[in-house]
């Protein structure tokens, strides 16, 4: 299981999000990465501060800004709470109807950026 799958499963199992909502959180993180640098050693509040002060970010609707901030906070909470924890996969009915024969979730075509976010 890769880190993106772990994050998605954590959102589903620990935060009670649906599979679609978990996917939306990951999508918002991808979009937020256009406005701030996740690879820095800054804390969550600093990351959000830098993003809030990006001129392009200021042009986005308030709702989308809020969703991106929430996605960043969830990512940092995930990183903080799972450094040494194993995250079990969610039950099949919670993730999707598409599961490989070996019980794993199919790979998704997200960019490498998400892998970089999870590096410690």
N, C-alpha and C. Protein backbone atom coordinates (compact mmCIF):
# COMPACT_ATOMS: atom_id res chain seq x y z
N UNK A 1 0.85 -1.18 0.00
CA UNK A 1 0.00 0.00 0.00
C UNK A 1 0.90 1.24 0.00
N UNK A 2 0.68 2.13 -0.96
CA UNK A 2 1.50 3.34 -1.00
C UNK A 2 0.96 4.39 -0.03
N UNK A 3 1.68 5.48 0.09
CA UNK A 3 1.31 6.51 1.07
C UNK A 3 0.00 7.21 0.72
N UNK A 4 -0.25 7.38 -0.57
CA UNK A 4 -1.51 8.00 -0.98
C UNK A 4 -2.69 7.11 -0.58
N UNK A 5 -2.55 5.80 -0.81
CA UNK A 5 -3.60 4.87 -0.40
C UNK A 5 -3.78 4.88 1.11
N UNK A 6 -2.67 4.96 1.84
CA UNK A 6 -2.75 5.02 3.30
C UNK A 6 -3.51 6.25 3.75
N UNK A 7 -3.21 7.39 3.12
CA UNK A 7 -3.90 8.63 3.47
C UNK A 7 -5.38 8.52 3.15
N UNK A 8 -5.71 8.02 1.97
CA UNK A 8 -7.12 7.86 1.59
C UNK A 8 -7.83 6.95 2.58
N UNK A 9 -7.21 5.81 2.90
CA UNK A 9 -7.83 4.88 3.85
C UNK A 9 -7.98 5.50 5.23
N UNK A 10 -7.00 6.27 5.66
CA UNK A 10 -7.08 6.95 6.95
C UNK A 10 -8.26 7.92 6.96
N UNK A 11 -8.44 8.64 5.88
CA UNK A 11 -9.58 9.57 5.80
C UNK A 11 -10.90 8.82 5.91
N UNK A 12 -10.98 7.66 5.26
CA UNK A 12 -12.22 6.88 5.26
C UNK A 12 -12.46 6.26 6.63
N UNK A 13 -11.43 5.62 7.17
CA UNK A 13 -11.58 4.88 8.43
C UNK A 13 -11.61 5.80 9.65
N UNK A 14 -10.66 6.74 9.73
CA UNK A 14 -10.52 7.55 10.94
C UNK A 14 -11.37 8.82 10.94
N UNK A 15 -11.65 9.33 9.75
CA UNK A 15 -12.42 10.57 9.68
C UNK A 15 -13.84 10.35 9.18
N UNK A 16 -14.17 9.13 8.79
CA UNK A 16 -15.52 8.80 8.37
C UNK A 16 -15.92 9.38 7.02
N UNK A 17 -14.95 9.72 6.19
CA UNK A 17 -15.26 10.26 4.88
C UNK A 17 -15.65 9.14 3.93
N UNK A 18 -16.46 9.47 2.96
CA UNK A 18 -16.78 8.51 1.90
C UNK A 18 -15.57 8.44 0.97
N UNK A 19 -15.57 7.45 0.11
CA UNK A 19 -14.48 7.30 -0.85
C UNK A 19 -14.37 8.55 -1.73
N UNK A 20 -15.51 9.07 -2.17
CA UNK A 20 -15.51 10.27 -3.01
C UNK A 20 -14.97 11.48 -2.25
N UNK A 21 -15.37 11.63 -1.00
CA UNK A 21 -14.89 12.77 -0.21
C UNK A 21 -13.38 12.67 0.03
N UNK A 22 -12.89 11.46 0.28
CA UNK A 22 -11.46 11.26 0.47
C UNK A 22 -10.70 11.62 -0.82
N UNK A 23 -11.26 11.24 -1.95
CA UNK A 23 -10.66 11.58 -3.24
C UNK A 23 -10.66 13.10 -3.43
N UNK A 24 -11.73 13.76 -3.01
CA UNK A 24 -11.81 15.21 -3.11
C UNK A 24 -10.74 15.90 -2.26
N UNK A 25 -10.48 15.36 -1.07
CA UNK A 25 -9.44 15.92 -0.20
C UNK A 25 -8.08 15.83 -0.91
N UNK A 26 -7.80 14.70 -1.51
CA UNK A 26 -6.54 14.53 -2.23
C UNK A 26 -6.46 15.48 -3.42
N UNK A 27 -7.58 15.67 -4.08
CA UNK A 27 -7.63 16.61 -5.20
C UNK A 27 -7.35 18.04 -4.72
N UNK A 28 -7.91 18.41 -3.59
CA UNK A 28 -7.68 19.75 -3.03
C UNK A 28 -6.22 19.93 -2.63
N UNK A 29 -5.58 18.86 -2.14
CA UNK A 29 -4.16 18.94 -1.82
C UNK A 29 -3.34 19.18 -3.09
N UNK A 30 -3.71 18.50 -4.14
CA UNK A 30 -3.01 18.70 -5.41
C UNK A 30 -3.13 20.16 -5.85
N UNK A 31 -4.32 20.69 -5.75
CA UNK A 31 -4.53 22.09 -6.14
C UNK A 31 -3.78 23.03 -5.19
N UNK A 32 -3.80 22.75 -3.90
CA UNK A 32 -3.11 23.60 -2.93
C UNK A 32 -1.61 23.62 -3.18
N UNK A 33 -1.07 22.52 -3.71
CA UNK A 33 0.37 22.47 -3.97
C UNK A 33 0.79 23.47 -5.04
N UNK A 34 -0.15 24.01 -5.78
CA UNK A 34 0.17 25.06 -6.75
C UNK A 34 0.45 26.40 -6.07
N UNK A 35 0.01 26.54 -4.83
CA UNK A 35 0.09 27.83 -4.14
C UNK A 35 1.03 27.83 -2.94
N UNK A 36 1.52 26.67 -2.53
CA UNK A 36 2.41 26.60 -1.38
C UNK A 36 3.32 25.39 -1.51
N UNK A 37 4.39 25.38 -0.74
CA UNK A 37 5.40 24.32 -0.82
C UNK A 37 5.24 23.36 0.36
N UNK A 38 4.79 22.15 0.07
CA UNK A 38 4.60 21.14 1.11
C UNK A 38 5.91 20.49 1.54
N UNK A 39 6.94 20.62 0.73
CA UNK A 39 8.19 19.93 1.03
C UNK A 39 9.03 20.67 2.06
N UNK A 40 8.64 21.89 2.40
CA UNK A 40 9.41 22.64 3.39
C UNK A 40 9.18 22.04 4.77
N UNK A 41 10.01 22.46 5.71
CA UNK A 41 9.89 21.97 7.09
C UNK A 41 8.93 22.83 7.91
N UNK A 42 8.19 23.69 7.25
CA UNK A 42 7.24 24.57 7.94
C UNK A 42 6.10 23.75 8.55
N UNK A 43 5.50 24.30 9.60
CA UNK A 43 4.36 23.63 10.22
C UNK A 43 3.09 23.97 9.45
N UNK A 44 2.01 23.35 9.84
CA UNK A 44 0.74 23.50 9.10
C UNK A 44 0.29 24.95 9.04
N UNK A 45 0.43 25.68 10.13
CA UNK A 45 -0.01 27.08 10.14
C UNK A 45 0.84 27.95 9.21
N UNK A 46 2.14 27.67 9.16
CA UNK A 46 3.00 28.43 8.26
C UNK A 46 2.68 28.12 6.79
N UNK A 47 2.43 26.84 6.49
CA UNK A 47 2.09 26.43 5.13
C UNK A 47 0.81 27.17 4.69
N UNK A 48 -0.19 27.17 5.56
CA UNK A 48 -1.45 27.84 5.23
C UNK A 48 -1.25 29.35 5.11
N UNK A 49 -0.42 29.92 5.97
CA UNK A 49 -0.12 31.35 5.90
C UNK A 49 0.50 31.70 4.55
N UNK A 50 1.49 30.91 4.12
CA UNK A 50 2.14 31.16 2.82
C UNK A 50 1.12 31.05 1.69
N UNK A 51 0.26 30.06 1.78
CA UNK A 51 -0.75 29.87 0.74
C UNK A 51 -1.73 31.06 0.73
N UNK A 52 -2.17 31.47 1.91
CA UNK A 52 -3.12 32.58 2.01
C UNK A 52 -2.56 33.88 1.43
N UNK A 53 -1.24 34.01 1.42
CA UNK A 53 -0.62 35.23 0.92
C UNK A 53 -0.18 35.14 -0.53
N UNK A 54 -0.49 34.05 -1.18
CA UNK A 54 -0.20 33.89 -2.60
C UNK A 54 -1.23 34.69 -3.39
N UNK A 55 -0.78 35.52 -4.31
CA UNK A 55 -1.70 36.39 -5.05
C UNK A 55 -2.71 35.60 -5.89
N UNK A 56 -2.28 34.50 -6.46
CA UNK A 56 -3.21 33.67 -7.25
C UNK A 56 -4.24 32.98 -6.36
N UNK A 57 -3.81 32.57 -5.17
CA UNK A 57 -4.72 31.92 -4.22
C UNK A 57 -5.83 32.87 -3.81
N UNK A 58 -5.51 34.14 -3.68
CA UNK A 58 -6.50 35.14 -3.25
C UNK A 58 -7.65 35.29 -4.24
N UNK A 59 -7.45 34.84 -5.48
CA UNK A 59 -8.48 34.96 -6.52
C UNK A 59 -9.51 33.83 -6.46
N UNK A 60 -9.25 32.81 -5.68
CA UNK A 60 -10.11 31.63 -5.61
C UNK A 60 -11.30 31.92 -4.70
N UNK A 61 -12.41 31.24 -4.93
CA UNK A 61 -13.60 31.44 -4.10
C UNK A 61 -13.32 31.02 -2.65
N UNK A 62 -14.03 31.63 -1.75
CA UNK A 62 -13.87 31.37 -0.33
C UNK A 62 -14.09 29.89 0.01
N UNK A 63 -15.06 29.27 -0.62
CA UNK A 63 -15.36 27.86 -0.35
C UNK A 63 -14.19 26.97 -0.72
N UNK A 64 -13.61 27.18 -1.88
CA UNK A 64 -12.49 26.35 -2.32
C UNK A 64 -11.26 26.61 -1.44
N UNK A 65 -11.03 27.86 -1.06
CA UNK A 65 -9.92 28.16 -0.15
C UNK A 65 -10.07 27.38 1.15
N UNK A 66 -11.27 27.39 1.69
CA UNK A 66 -11.55 26.68 2.94
C UNK A 66 -11.30 25.18 2.78
N UNK A 67 -11.71 24.62 1.65
CA UNK A 67 -11.51 23.19 1.41
C UNK A 67 -10.03 22.85 1.30
N UNK A 68 -9.25 23.73 0.69
CA UNK A 68 -7.81 23.48 0.58
C UNK A 68 -7.14 23.57 1.95
N UNK A 69 -7.54 24.54 2.76
CA UNK A 69 -6.97 24.64 4.11
C UNK A 69 -7.29 23.38 4.92
N UNK A 70 -8.53 22.93 4.81
CA UNK A 70 -8.94 21.72 5.53
C UNK A 70 -8.13 20.51 5.07
N UNK A 71 -7.91 20.40 3.77
CA UNK A 71 -7.13 19.28 3.23
C UNK A 71 -5.70 19.29 3.78
N UNK A 72 -5.11 20.47 3.88
CA UNK A 72 -3.75 20.59 4.42
C UNK A 72 -3.74 20.18 5.89
N UNK A 73 -4.74 20.65 6.64
CA UNK A 73 -4.79 20.28 8.07
C UNK A 73 -4.97 18.77 8.25
N UNK A 74 -5.80 18.17 7.40
CA UNK A 74 -5.99 16.71 7.48
C UNK A 74 -4.70 15.98 7.13
N UNK A 75 -3.97 16.46 6.15
CA UNK A 75 -2.70 15.84 5.79
C UNK A 75 -1.73 15.89 6.96
N UNK A 76 -1.62 17.04 7.60
CA UNK A 76 -0.70 17.17 8.72
C UNK A 76 -1.15 16.32 9.91
N UNK A 77 -2.44 16.23 10.13
CA UNK A 77 -2.95 15.37 11.20
C UNK A 77 -2.62 13.91 10.89
N UNK A 78 -2.80 13.52 9.64
CA UNK A 78 -2.45 12.16 9.21
C UNK A 78 -0.97 11.88 9.47
N UNK A 79 -0.12 12.81 9.04
CA UNK A 79 1.32 12.61 9.20
C UNK A 79 1.70 12.52 10.69
N UNK A 80 1.05 13.33 11.51
CA UNK A 80 1.35 13.33 12.95
C UNK A 80 0.89 12.05 13.64
N UNK A 81 -0.29 11.58 13.28
CA UNK A 81 -0.87 10.44 13.99
C UNK A 81 -0.45 9.09 13.44
N UNK A 82 0.17 9.06 12.27
CA UNK A 82 0.46 7.77 11.66
C UNK A 82 1.94 7.49 11.46
N UNK A 83 2.79 8.23 12.06
CA UNK A 83 4.22 8.01 11.86
C UNK A 83 4.62 6.58 12.19
N UNK A 84 4.03 6.01 13.21
CA UNK A 84 4.42 4.65 13.58
C UNK A 84 3.23 3.69 13.63
N UNK A 85 2.12 4.11 13.07
CA UNK A 85 0.93 3.27 13.12
C UNK A 85 0.69 2.57 11.79
N UNK A 86 0.16 1.38 11.86
CA UNK A 86 -0.30 0.69 10.66
C UNK A 86 -1.76 1.08 10.46
N UNK A 87 -2.11 1.47 9.26
CA UNK A 87 -3.49 1.84 8.95
C UNK A 87 -4.11 0.70 8.15
N UNK A 88 -5.07 0.02 8.74
CA UNK A 88 -5.69 -1.08 7.99
C UNK A 88 -6.52 -0.55 6.84
N UNK A 89 -6.62 -1.33 5.77
CA UNK A 89 -7.45 -0.87 4.66
C UNK A 89 -8.91 -0.81 5.09
N UNK A 90 -9.68 0.10 4.51
CA UNK A 90 -11.09 0.19 4.88
C UNK A 90 -11.86 -1.01 4.34
N UNK A 91 -13.03 -1.25 4.87
CA UNK A 91 -13.84 -2.34 4.34
C UNK A 91 -14.17 -2.08 2.87
N UNK A 92 -14.25 -3.11 2.05
CA UNK A 92 -14.49 -2.93 0.62
C UNK A 92 -15.71 -2.08 0.28
N UNK A 93 -16.77 -2.18 1.05
CA UNK A 93 -17.97 -1.41 0.74
C UNK A 93 -17.78 0.08 0.97
N UNK A 94 -16.73 0.47 1.66
CA UNK A 94 -16.47 1.88 1.93
C UNK A 94 -15.56 2.53 0.89
N UNK A 95 -14.86 1.74 0.10
CA UNK A 95 -13.90 2.35 -0.82
C UNK A 95 -14.40 2.43 -2.24
N UNK A 96 -14.84 1.35 -2.80
CA UNK A 96 -15.41 1.37 -4.14
C UNK A 96 -15.77 -0.05 -4.52
N UNK A 97 -16.37 -0.18 -5.67
CA UNK A 97 -16.69 -1.51 -6.17
C UNK A 97 -15.51 -2.13 -6.88
N UNK A 98 -14.46 -1.35 -7.13
CA UNK A 98 -13.30 -1.83 -7.86
C UNK A 98 -12.20 -2.24 -6.90
N UNK A 99 -12.02 -3.54 -6.76
CA UNK A 99 -10.96 -4.09 -5.92
C UNK A 99 -10.29 -5.19 -6.71
N UNK A 100 -8.96 -5.20 -6.67
CA UNK A 100 -8.22 -6.23 -7.38
C UNK A 100 -8.52 -7.61 -6.79
N UNK A 101 -8.25 -8.65 -7.55
CA UNK A 101 -8.51 -10.02 -7.09
C UNK A 101 -7.75 -10.35 -5.82
N UNK A 102 -6.59 -9.74 -5.63
CA UNK A 102 -5.80 -10.01 -4.42
C UNK A 102 -6.26 -9.17 -3.23
N UNK A 103 -7.34 -8.40 -3.40
CA UNK A 103 -7.89 -7.62 -2.29
C UNK A 103 -7.34 -6.21 -2.18
N UNK A 104 -6.40 -5.84 -3.05
CA UNK A 104 -5.82 -4.50 -2.99
C UNK A 104 -6.66 -3.53 -3.80
N UNK A 105 -6.47 -2.26 -3.53
CA UNK A 105 -7.17 -1.20 -4.24
C UNK A 105 -6.35 -0.88 -5.50
N UNK A 106 -7.00 -0.72 -6.64
CA UNK A 106 -6.25 -0.40 -7.86
C UNK A 106 -5.47 0.90 -7.71
N UNK A 107 -4.32 0.97 -8.37
CA UNK A 107 -3.52 2.19 -8.36
C UNK A 107 -4.30 3.32 -9.02
N UNK A 108 -4.08 4.53 -8.56
CA UNK A 108 -4.74 5.68 -9.15
C UNK A 108 -3.69 6.53 -9.85
N UNK A 109 -4.09 7.27 -10.86
CA UNK A 109 -3.13 8.02 -11.68
C UNK A 109 -2.73 9.39 -11.13
N UNK A 110 -2.57 9.54 -9.83
CA UNK A 110 -2.17 10.83 -9.29
C UNK A 110 -0.70 11.09 -9.57
N UNK A 111 -0.34 12.33 -9.59
CA UNK A 111 1.03 12.73 -9.88
C UNK A 111 1.96 12.41 -8.72
N UNK A 112 3.23 12.44 -8.96
CA UNK A 112 4.25 12.13 -7.96
C UNK A 112 4.24 13.14 -6.83
N UNK A 113 3.64 14.30 -7.03
CA UNK A 113 3.64 15.34 -6.00
C UNK A 113 3.17 14.82 -4.66
N UNK A 114 2.18 13.92 -4.67
CA UNK A 114 1.63 13.44 -3.41
C UNK A 114 2.68 12.62 -2.65
N UNK A 115 3.47 11.85 -3.37
CA UNK A 115 4.55 11.10 -2.73
C UNK A 115 5.53 12.04 -2.04
N UNK A 116 5.80 13.16 -2.68
CA UNK A 116 6.73 14.12 -2.08
C UNK A 116 6.17 14.73 -0.81
N UNK A 117 4.86 14.93 -0.78
CA UNK A 117 4.22 15.51 0.39
C UNK A 117 4.44 14.63 1.61
N UNK A 118 4.41 13.32 1.41
CA UNK A 118 4.46 12.41 2.53
C UNK A 118 5.87 12.11 3.02
N UNK A 119 6.91 12.58 2.33
CA UNK A 119 8.27 12.32 2.78
C UNK A 119 8.49 13.03 4.10
N UNK A 120 9.11 12.35 5.01
CA UNK A 120 9.37 12.96 6.33
C UNK A 120 10.76 13.53 6.39
